[in-house]
């Protein structure tokens, strides 16, 4: 039997990409700490992006970003919202290559490096997050609290304590 998050996430994954979604800000404490994660580039609506000259990555950043935002709004707790963002970011039809996905809280001591196909800022229950899609190898290092409310990575990965190695897109 699926839990509520899985069934609602599955509905979002099975449906077509939703346009015009927006995140309703939920009241919560905001930290004034600087964000160590890299800023997200502006989203484009091109379904495929040239990366590294000869690598073609299939990812529709606008459509998948909207689907992730809808999944986030569908959960009650912040940890559930992060897991929903990971599920939709990885399994959504707008990520046909199943690029590895990382969701990180920008107000935590988390470093992201490697080959990034796309990154997008998103508000999760009053917290500032970035969702990254990796087109190649990379690394996510969490030097702080490692709970679901601060980070998650899904895809072709190996975890060693506070470091998640991305083995490819």
C-alpha atoms as a PDB file:
ATOM      1  CA  UNK A   1       0.000   0.000   0.000  1.00  0.00           C
ATOM      2  CA  UNK A   2       1.399   3.411  -0.953  1.00  0.00           C
ATOM      3  CA  UNK A   3       1.613   6.191   1.568  1.00  0.00           C
ATOM      4  CA  UNK A   4      -0.019   9.548   0.868  1.00  0.00           C
ATOM      5  CA  UNK A   5       3.165  11.157  -0.470  1.00  0.00           C
ATOM      6  CA  UNK A   6       3.894   8.327  -2.876  1.00  0.00           C
ATOM      7  CA  UNK A   7       0.374   8.191  -4.298  1.00  0.00           C
ATOM      8  CA  UNK A   8       0.115  11.959  -4.750  1.00  0.00           C
ATOM      9  CA  UNK A   9       3.620  12.087  -6.205  1.00  0.00           C
ATOM     10  CA  UNK A  10       2.745   9.216  -8.538  1.00  0.00           C
ATOM     11  CA  UNK A  11      -0.277  11.183  -9.786  1.00  0.00           C
ATOM     12  CA  UNK A  12       1.985  14.137 -10.567  1.00  0.00           C
ATOM     13  CA  UNK A  13       4.472  11.878 -12.328  1.00  0.00           C
ATOM     14  CA  UNK A  14       1.804  10.206 -14.435  1.00  0.00           C
ATOM     15  CA  UNK A  15       0.153  13.455 -15.543  1.00  0.00           C
ATOM     16  CA  UNK A  16       1.327  15.946 -18.074  1.00  0.00           C
ATOM     17  CA  UNK A  17       3.579  18.826 -17.097  1.00  0.00           C
ATOM     18  CA  UNK A  18       1.656  21.583 -15.395  1.00  0.00           C
ATOM     19  CA  UNK A  19       2.202  25.186 -16.428  1.00  0.00           C
ATOM     20  CA  UNK A  20       1.742  28.314 -14.421  1.00  0.00           C
ATOM     21  CA  UNK A  21       2.199  26.704 -11.010  1.00  0.00           C
ATOM     22  CA  UNK A  22       3.347  28.909  -8.207  1.00  0.00           C
ATOM     23  CA  UNK A  23       4.510  28.270  -4.704  1.00  0.00           C
ATOM     24  CA  UNK A  24       2.375  29.642  -1.925  1.00  0.00           C
ATOM     25  CA  UNK A  25       4.689  30.841   0.756  1.00  0.00           C
ATOM     26  CA  UNK A  26       4.057  29.183   4.088  1.00  0.00           C
ATOM     27  CA  UNK A  27       4.873  31.229   7.154  1.00  0.00           C
ATOM     28  CA  UNK A  28       8.048  30.043   8.775  1.00  0.00           C
ATOM     29  CA  UNK A  29      11.279  31.368  10.166  1.00  0.00           C
ATOM     30  CA  UNK A  30      13.769  32.617   7.614  1.00  0.00           C
ATOM     31  CA  UNK A  31      17.467  32.674   8.233  1.00  0.00           C
ATOM     32  CA  UNK A  32      19.588  35.637   7.221  1.00  0.00           C
ATOM     33  CA  UNK A  33      22.682  33.449   6.754  1.00  0.00           C
ATOM     34  CA  UNK A  34      24.361  33.683   3.347  1.00  0.00           C
ATOM     35  CA  UNK A  35      23.594  30.897   0.909  1.00  0.00           C
ATOM     36  CA  UNK A  36      26.624  28.676   0.179  1.00  0.00           C
ATOM     37  CA  UNK A  37      24.916  26.939  -2.743  1.00  0.00           C
ATOM     38  CA  UNK A  38      25.443  28.328  -6.215  1.00  0.00           C
ATOM     39  CA  UNK A  39      22.671  30.585  -7.542  1.00  0.00           C
ATOM     40  CA  UNK A  40      20.309  29.006 -10.017  1.00  0.00           C
ATOM     41  CA  UNK A  41      20.531  30.101 -13.631  1.00  0.00           C
ATOM     42  CA  UNK A  42      17.448  31.468 -15.371  1.00  0.00           C
ATOM     43  CA  UNK A  43      15.134  28.741 -16.642  1.00  0.00           C
ATOM     44  CA  UNK A  44      14.564  28.283 -20.337  1.00  0.00           C
ATOM     45  CA  UNK A  45      11.819  26.374 -22.057  1.00  0.00           C
ATOM     46  CA  UNK A  46      14.108  24.488 -24.432  1.00  0.00           C
ATOM     47  CA  UNK A  47      13.527  20.728 -24.075  1.00  0.00           C
ATOM     48  CA  UNK A  48      17.182  19.897 -24.624  1.00  0.00           C
ATOM     49  CA  UNK A  49      20.345  21.660 -23.549  1.00  0.00           C
ATOM     50  CA  UNK A  50      23.917  21.464 -24.861  1.00  0.00           C
ATOM     51  CA  UNK A  51      26.296  20.625 -22.028  1.00  0.00           C
ATOM     52  CA  UNK A  52      30.055  20.389 -22.371  1.00  0.00           C
ATOM     53  CA  UNK A  53      30.006  20.820 -26.154  1.00  0.00           C
ATOM     54  CA  UNK A  54      29.172  17.271 -27.208  1.00  0.00           C
ATOM     55  CA  UNK A  55      26.736  16.025 -24.575  1.00  0.00           C
ATOM     56  CA  UNK A  56      23.038  16.522 -25.257  1.00  0.00           C
ATOM     57  CA  UNK A  57      20.865  16.412 -22.138  1.00  0.00           C
ATOM     58  CA  UNK A  58      17.103  16.019 -22.419  1.00  0.00           C
ATOM     59  CA  UNK A  59      15.489  18.080 -19.690  1.00  0.00           C
ATOM     60  CA  UNK A  60      12.589  20.531 -19.853  1.00  0.00           C
ATOM     61  CA  UNK A  61      13.485  22.806 -16.922  1.00  0.00           C
ATOM     62  CA  UNK A  62      10.298  24.892 -17.001  1.00  0.00           C
ATOM     63  CA  UNK A  63       7.893  21.948 -17.086  1.00  0.00           C
ATOM     64  CA  UNK A  64       9.785  19.890 -14.525  1.00  0.00           C
ATOM     65  CA  UNK A  65      10.233  22.913 -12.254  1.00  0.00           C
ATOM     66  CA  UNK A  66       6.469  23.487 -12.265  1.00  0.00           C
ATOM     67  CA  UNK A  67       5.787  19.809 -11.507  1.00  0.00           C
ATOM     68  CA  UNK A  68       8.266  19.896  -8.595  1.00  0.00           C
ATOM     69  CA  UNK A  69       6.591  23.002  -7.175  1.00  0.00           C
ATOM     70  CA  UNK A  70       3.190  21.293  -7.343  1.00  0.00           C
ATOM     71  CA  UNK A  71       4.552  18.232  -5.502  1.00  0.00           C
ATOM     72  CA  UNK A  72       6.089  20.432  -2.814  1.00  0.00           C
ATOM     73  CA  UNK A  73       2.761  22.148  -2.171  1.00  0.00           C
ATOM     74  CA  UNK A  74       1.085  18.746  -1.839  1.00  0.00           C
ATOM     75  CA  UNK A  75       3.002  17.763   1.341  1.00  0.00           C
ATOM     76  CA  UNK A  76       2.448  18.846   4.943  1.00  0.00           C
ATOM     77  CA  UNK A  77       5.965  18.729   6.447  1.00  0.00           C
ATOM     78  CA  UNK A  78       9.232  20.166   5.130  1.00  0.00           C
ATOM     79  CA  UNK A  79      11.027  16.789   5.019  1.00  0.00           C
ATOM     80  CA  UNK A  80       8.136  15.375   2.966  1.00  0.00           C
ATOM     81  CA  UNK A  81       8.351  18.356   0.645  1.00  0.00           C
ATOM     82  CA  UNK A  82      12.077  17.743   0.041  1.00  0.00           C
ATOM     83  CA  UNK A  83      11.427  14.030  -0.685  1.00  0.00           C
ATOM     84  CA  UNK A  84       8.559  14.949  -3.039  1.00  0.00           C
ATOM     85  CA  UNK A  85      10.825  17.387  -4.894  1.00  0.00           C
ATOM     86  CA  UNK A  86      13.427  14.617  -5.292  1.00  0.00           C
ATOM     87  CA  UNK A  87      10.875  12.071  -6.537  1.00  0.00           C
ATOM     88  CA  UNK A  88       9.323  14.391  -9.092  1.00  0.00           C
ATOM     89  CA  UNK A  89      12.662  15.883 -10.134  1.00  0.00           C
ATOM     90  CA  UNK A  90      14.021  12.417 -10.847  1.00  0.00           C
ATOM     91  CA  UNK A  91      11.024  10.443 -12.182  1.00  0.00           C
ATOM     92  CA  UNK A  92       9.104  13.153 -14.057  1.00  0.00           C
ATOM     93  CA  UNK A  93       8.625  12.675 -17.797  1.00  0.00           C
ATOM     94  CA  UNK A  94      10.475  15.957 -18.358  1.00  0.00           C
ATOM     95  CA  UNK A  95      13.668  14.277 -17.094  1.00  0.00           C
ATOM     96  CA  UNK A  96      13.723  11.340 -19.565  1.00  0.00           C
ATOM     97  CA  UNK A  97      17.458  10.723 -19.067  1.00  0.00           C
ATOM     98  CA  UNK A  98      16.902  10.316 -15.285  1.00  0.00           C
ATOM     99  CA  UNK A  99      19.545  12.879 -14.408  1.00  0.00           C
ATOM    100  CA  UNK A 100      20.625  12.706 -10.761  1.00  0.00           C
ATOM    101  CA  UNK A 101      18.773  15.291  -8.644  1.00  0.00           C
ATOM    102  CA  UNK A 102      19.905  17.099  -5.483  1.00  0.00           C
ATOM    103  CA  UNK A 103      17.748  19.333  -3.285  1.00  0.00           C
ATOM    104  CA  UNK A 104      19.706  21.486  -0.824  1.00  0.00           C
ATOM    105  CA  UNK A 105      18.795  24.081   1.781  1.00  0.00           C
ATOM    106  CA  UNK A 106      20.731  27.241   0.887  1.00  0.00           C
ATOM    107  CA  UNK A 107      20.826  28.314   4.548  1.00  0.00           C
ATOM    108  CA  UNK A 108      22.908  25.282   5.560  1.00  0.00           C
ATOM    109  CA  UNK A 109      26.619  24.588   5.095  1.00  0.00           C
ATOM    110  CA  UNK A 110      26.160  22.450   1.962  1.00  0.00           C
ATOM    111  CA  UNK A 111      28.490  22.590  -1.040  1.00  0.00           C
ATOM    112  CA  UNK A 112      27.467  21.389  -4.509  1.00  0.00           C
ATOM    113  CA  UNK A 113      29.999  20.897  -7.274  1.00  0.00           C
ATOM    114  CA  UNK A 114      30.280  19.077 -10.567  1.00  0.00           C
ATOM    115  CA  UNK A 115      28.576  18.978 -13.938  1.00  0.00           C
ATOM    116  CA  UNK A 116      25.206  20.699 -13.474  1.00  0.00           C
ATOM    117  CA  UNK A 117      22.669  20.635 -16.333  1.00  0.00           C
ATOM    118  CA  UNK A 118      20.214  22.948 -14.580  1.00  0.00           C
ATOM    119  CA  UNK A 119      19.599  24.489 -11.162  1.00  0.00           C
ATOM    120  CA  UNK A 120      16.461  26.163  -9.899  1.00  0.00           C
ATOM    121  CA  UNK A 121      15.681  28.144  -6.748  1.00  0.00           C
ATOM    122  CA  UNK A 122      12.542  27.030  -4.926  1.00  0.00           C
ATOM    123  CA  UNK A 123      10.817  28.000  -1.690  1.00  0.00           C
ATOM    124  CA  UNK A 124       9.996  25.020   0.530  1.00  0.00           C
ATOM    125  CA  UNK A 125       7.849  25.932   3.512  1.00  0.00           C
ATOM    126  CA  UNK A 126       9.547  29.273   4.021  1.00  0.00           C
ATOM    127  CA  UNK A 127      13.056  27.921   3.361  1.00  0.00           C
ATOM    128  CA  UNK A 128      15.303  28.795   0.418  1.00  0.00           C
ATOM    129  CA  UNK A 129      16.362  25.692  -1.539  1.00  0.00           C
ATOM    130  CA  UNK A 130      18.061  24.915  -4.836  1.00  0.00           C
ATOM    131  CA  UNK A 131      17.260  21.871  -6.960  1.00  0.00           C
ATOM    132  CA  UNK A 132      20.180  20.675  -9.097  1.00  0.00           C
ATOM    133  CA  UNK A 133      20.107  18.260 -12.042  1.00  0.00           C
ATOM    134  CA  UNK A 134      23.533  16.720 -12.726  1.00  0.00           C
ATOM    135  CA  UNK A 135      24.605  15.990 -16.303  1.00  0.00           C
ATOM    136  CA  UNK A 136      27.793  14.254 -15.149  1.00  0.00           C
ATOM    137  CA  UNK A 137      29.918  13.538 -12.078  1.00  0.00           C
ATOM    138  CA  UNK A 138      29.656  15.722  -9.015  1.00  0.00           C
ATOM    139  CA  UNK A 139      29.630  15.897  -5.261  1.00  0.00           C
ATOM    140  CA  UNK A 140      27.292  17.213  -2.556  1.00  0.00           C
ATOM    141  CA  UNK A 141      28.930  17.810   0.842  1.00  0.00           C
ATOM    142  CA  UNK A 142      26.812  18.586   3.903  1.00  0.00           C
ATOM    143  CA  UNK A 143      28.859  20.037   6.774  1.00  0.00           C
ATOM    144  CA  UNK A 144      25.787  20.646   8.945  1.00  0.00           C
ATOM    145  CA  UNK A 145      22.506  18.982   9.879  1.00  0.00           C
ATOM    146  CA  UNK A 146      21.923  16.041   7.555  1.00  0.00           C
ATOM    147  CA  UNK A 147      18.171  15.609   8.016  1.00  0.00           C
ATOM    148  CA  UNK A 148      15.649  15.479   5.165  1.00  0.00           C
ATOM    149  CA  UNK A 149      14.699  19.108   5.785  1.00  0.00           C
ATOM    150  CA  UNK A 150      18.182  20.168   4.621  1.00  0.00           C
ATOM    151  CA  UNK A 151      19.168  17.915   1.757  1.00  0.00           C
ATOM    152  CA  UNK A 152      18.544  14.892  -0.398  1.00  0.00           C
ATOM    153  CA  UNK A 153      20.046  13.367  -3.538  1.00  0.00           C
ATOM    154  CA  UNK A 154      18.455  10.767  -5.816  1.00  0.00           C
ATOM    155  CA  UNK A 155      19.964   8.956  -8.777  1.00  0.00           C
ATOM    156  CA  UNK A 156      23.334   7.409  -9.599  1.00  0.00           C
ATOM    157  CA  UNK A 157      25.074   8.077  -6.263  1.00  0.00           C
ATOM    158  CA  UNK A 158      27.319   6.718  -3.515  1.00  0.00           C
ATOM    159  CA  UNK A 159      27.084   8.146  -0.003  1.00  0.00           C
ATOM    160  CA  UNK A 160      29.990   8.229   2.446  1.00  0.00           C
ATOM    161  CA  UNK A 161      28.969   9.925   5.704  1.00  0.00           C
ATOM    162  CA  UNK A 162      28.272  13.592   4.888  1.00  0.00           C
ATOM    163  CA  UNK A 163      29.402  13.385   1.226  1.00  0.00           C
ATOM    164  CA  UNK A 164      27.272  12.122  -1.660  1.00  0.00           C
ATOM    165  CA  UNK A 165      29.219  11.355  -4.823  1.00  0.00           C
ATOM    166  CA  UNK A 166      27.251  11.701  -8.051  1.00  0.00           C
ATOM    167  CA  UNK A 167      28.580   9.103 -10.477  1.00  0.00           C
ATOM    168  CA  UNK A 168      27.031  10.683 -13.531  1.00  0.00           C
ATOM    169  CA  UNK A 169      23.914  12.334 -14.824  1.00  0.00           C
END
